[in-house]
């Protein structure tokens, strides 16, 4: 499926994708995550305006079915969010978006991709390990990564084990 920059008018679709993908967390007993609100439109617009919001689209109608948001954190490209609509899951879209982000980071001369994730959710840390990421020990976290983890903890995400992962490029 094609990958391209997100368009302003598509931001509500990204919210719909995030809500649909998030519902899967209820299947693993994480109802609070499943019912979490999607990113607000103004936050999505900041990623889009920075050129760090990409969508995988259905080739039939060019409609986004998955997306990735990224930001620069401590000299790396940090994957803030990857969401794939369940109707298009298991087609390699998440991996394709990660590879797109890796190519962008390489073009920018950045040494790595980073992300934070749940350790025990099958489509989180185990999946990212298969995509070439490995855990970053807490003692080795950068200031930006510590700030992200603190924000996640304040949001209540630390009720379940989380970690920072890195993929050298």
Protein backbone atom coordinates (compact mmCIF):
# COMPACT_ATOMS: atom_id res chain seq x y z
CA UNK A 1 0.00 0.00 0.00
CA UNK A 2 1.25 3.47 -0.80
CA UNK A 3 2.74 5.63 1.95
CA UNK A 4 2.62 9.41 1.78
CA UNK A 5 2.40 12.51 3.93
CA UNK A 6 -0.89 12.99 5.77
CA UNK A 7 -3.14 15.74 4.44
CA UNK A 8 -4.91 18.28 6.69
CA UNK A 9 -8.38 17.06 5.77
CA UNK A 10 -7.42 13.49 6.74
CA UNK A 11 -6.65 14.21 10.39
CA UNK A 12 -10.15 13.17 11.56
CA UNK A 13 -9.58 9.85 9.76
CA UNK A 14 -6.39 9.37 11.78
CA UNK A 15 -8.46 9.80 14.92
CA UNK A 16 -10.87 7.13 13.67
CA UNK A 17 -7.98 4.76 12.95
CA UNK A 18 -6.53 5.34 16.42
CA UNK A 19 -9.88 4.66 18.11
CA UNK A 20 -10.47 1.48 16.09
CA UNK A 21 -6.93 0.19 16.69
CA UNK A 22 -7.12 1.11 20.35
CA UNK A 23 -10.18 -1.08 20.91
CA UNK A 24 -7.90 -4.12 20.61
CA UNK A 25 -6.40 -3.28 24.01
CA UNK A 26 -9.69 -4.35 25.63
CA UNK A 27 -8.91 -7.89 24.43
CA UNK A 28 -5.84 -7.96 26.71
CA UNK A 29 -7.52 -6.42 29.76
CA UNK A 30 -6.42 -2.85 29.12
CA UNK A 31 -9.85 -1.23 28.97
CA UNK A 32 -8.54 2.20 29.99
CA UNK A 33 -6.17 2.23 27.02
CA UNK A 34 -8.92 0.95 24.75
CA UNK A 35 -11.20 3.81 25.73
CA UNK A 36 -8.53 6.53 25.68
CA UNK A 37 -9.29 9.57 23.55
CA UNK A 38 -7.36 9.89 20.27
CA UNK A 39 -4.84 12.66 19.78
CA UNK A 40 -6.63 16.00 19.34
CA UNK A 41 -6.67 17.53 15.87
CA UNK A 42 -4.31 20.37 16.83
CA UNK A 43 -1.68 17.87 17.98
CA UNK A 44 -2.06 15.81 14.81
CA UNK A 45 -1.70 19.02 12.81
CA UNK A 46 1.61 19.80 14.52
CA UNK A 47 3.03 16.45 13.38
CA UNK A 48 1.60 16.94 9.89
CA UNK A 49 2.92 20.49 9.57
CA UNK A 50 6.37 19.28 10.64
CA UNK A 51 6.29 16.66 7.86
CA UNK A 52 6.30 13.86 10.43
CA UNK A 53 2.86 12.32 9.89
CA UNK A 54 2.65 9.58 7.27
CA UNK A 55 -0.25 7.46 6.13
CA UNK A 56 -0.54 4.12 4.40
CA UNK A 57 -3.47 4.31 2.04
CA UNK A 58 -5.85 1.93 0.39
CA UNK A 59 -4.72 1.90 -3.26
CA UNK A 60 -8.33 1.74 -4.45
CA UNK A 61 -9.41 5.08 -2.99
CA UNK A 62 -6.26 6.69 -1.48
CA UNK A 63 -7.97 6.68 1.94
CA UNK A 64 -5.65 6.34 4.97
CA UNK A 65 -5.89 2.97 6.73
CA UNK A 66 -2.79 3.31 8.93
CA UNK A 67 -0.51 6.08 10.10
CA UNK A 68 2.71 6.89 11.93
CA UNK A 69 3.60 10.06 13.84
CA UNK A 70 7.19 10.92 14.69
CA UNK A 71 9.19 13.66 16.36
CA UNK A 72 12.82 14.52 16.90
CA UNK A 73 13.98 13.57 20.40
CA UNK A 74 17.60 13.88 21.54
CA UNK A 75 19.06 13.46 18.07
CA UNK A 76 16.93 10.49 17.02
CA UNK A 77 13.59 10.10 15.28
CA UNK A 78 11.06 9.03 17.91
CA UNK A 79 8.01 7.08 16.76
CA UNK A 80 5.21 8.61 18.78
CA UNK A 81 2.33 6.57 17.38
CA UNK A 82 1.74 3.77 14.91
CA UNK A 83 -1.88 2.77 14.33
CA UNK A 84 -3.34 0.38 11.79
CA UNK A 85 -7.08 0.05 11.32
CA UNK A 86 -8.04 -3.50 12.32
CA UNK A 87 -9.69 -4.02 8.92
CA UNK A 88 -6.22 -3.71 7.38
CA UNK A 89 -4.16 -5.43 10.09
CA UNK A 90 -1.62 -8.16 9.38
CA UNK A 91 -0.71 -6.79 5.96
CA UNK A 92 2.66 -5.31 6.88
CA UNK A 93 1.44 -1.72 7.07
CA UNK A 94 2.92 -1.00 10.48
CA UNK A 95 6.29 -2.37 9.39
CA UNK A 96 6.12 -0.42 6.12
CA UNK A 97 5.45 2.80 8.02
CA UNK A 98 8.36 2.05 10.37
CA UNK A 99 10.62 1.44 7.37
CA UNK A 100 9.43 4.74 5.90
CA UNK A 101 10.34 6.51 9.15
CA UNK A 102 13.72 4.75 9.18
CA UNK A 103 14.41 5.92 5.63
CA UNK A 104 13.49 9.47 6.59
CA UNK A 105 15.75 9.33 9.66
CA UNK A 106 18.60 7.98 7.54
CA UNK A 107 18.11 10.78 5.01
CA UNK A 108 18.33 13.28 7.88
CA UNK A 109 21.52 11.63 9.14
CA UNK A 110 19.90 10.49 12.38
CA UNK A 111 21.44 7.44 14.07
CA UNK A 112 18.32 5.66 15.33
CA UNK A 113 14.59 5.29 15.67
CA UNK A 114 13.19 5.19 19.20
CA UNK A 115 9.78 4.52 20.69
CA UNK A 116 8.02 3.64 23.92
CA UNK A 117 5.73 0.65 24.17
CA UNK A 118 4.00 -1.87 26.37
CA UNK A 119 6.26 -4.84 27.13
CA UNK A 120 3.61 -7.55 27.36
CA UNK A 121 1.22 -6.69 24.53
CA UNK A 122 1.89 -8.98 21.54
CA UNK A 123 1.56 -6.21 18.95
CA UNK A 124 3.84 -3.90 20.97
CA UNK A 125 7.33 -4.81 22.30
CA UNK A 126 7.43 -8.32 20.79
CA UNK A 127 6.41 -6.88 17.42
CA UNK A 128 8.95 -4.06 17.60
CA UNK A 129 11.66 -6.56 18.48
CA UNK A 130 10.87 -8.33 15.20
CA UNK A 131 11.21 -4.91 13.50
CA UNK A 132 14.79 -4.54 14.79
CA UNK A 133 14.23 -2.58 18.01
CA UNK A 134 15.77 -3.53 21.34
CA UNK A 135 15.13 -2.31 24.90
CA UNK A 136 16.99 0.69 26.30
CA UNK A 137 17.91 0.17 29.97
CA UNK A 138 16.37 2.81 32.23
CA UNK A 139 19.86 3.95 33.25
CA UNK A 140 20.63 4.78 29.60
CA UNK A 141 17.55 6.87 28.85
CA UNK A 142 18.18 10.31 27.40
CA UNK A 143 16.58 13.40 28.97
CA UNK A 144 13.94 13.50 26.24
CA UNK A 145 13.11 9.83 26.70
CA UNK A 146 12.80 10.36 30.46
CA UNK A 147 10.41 13.25 29.80
CA UNK A 148 8.29 11.10 27.48
CA UNK A 149 8.15 8.31 30.05
CA UNK A 150 7.18 10.81 32.78
CA UNK A 151 4.36 12.14 30.58
CA UNK A 152 3.16 8.59 29.93
CA UNK A 153 3.25 7.80 33.65
CA UNK A 154 1.25 10.96 34.39
CA UNK A 155 -1.30 9.76 31.83
CA UNK A 156 -1.62 6.45 33.72
CA UNK A 157 0.12 4.23 31.21
CA UNK A 158 2.53 2.83 33.80
CA UNK A 159 -0.24 0.64 35.18
CA UNK A 160 1.19 -1.84 32.69
CA UNK A 161 4.91 -2.48 32.09
CA UNK A 162 6.43 -0.12 29.51
CA UNK A 163 9.86 0.49 28.10
CA UNK A 164 11.84 2.58 25.64
CA UNK A 165 13.19 0.76 22.60
CA UNK A 166 15.76 1.78 20.00
CA UNK A 167 16.60 0.68 16.48
CA UNK A 168 20.03 1.78 15.32
CA UNK A 169 20.13 2.81 11.65
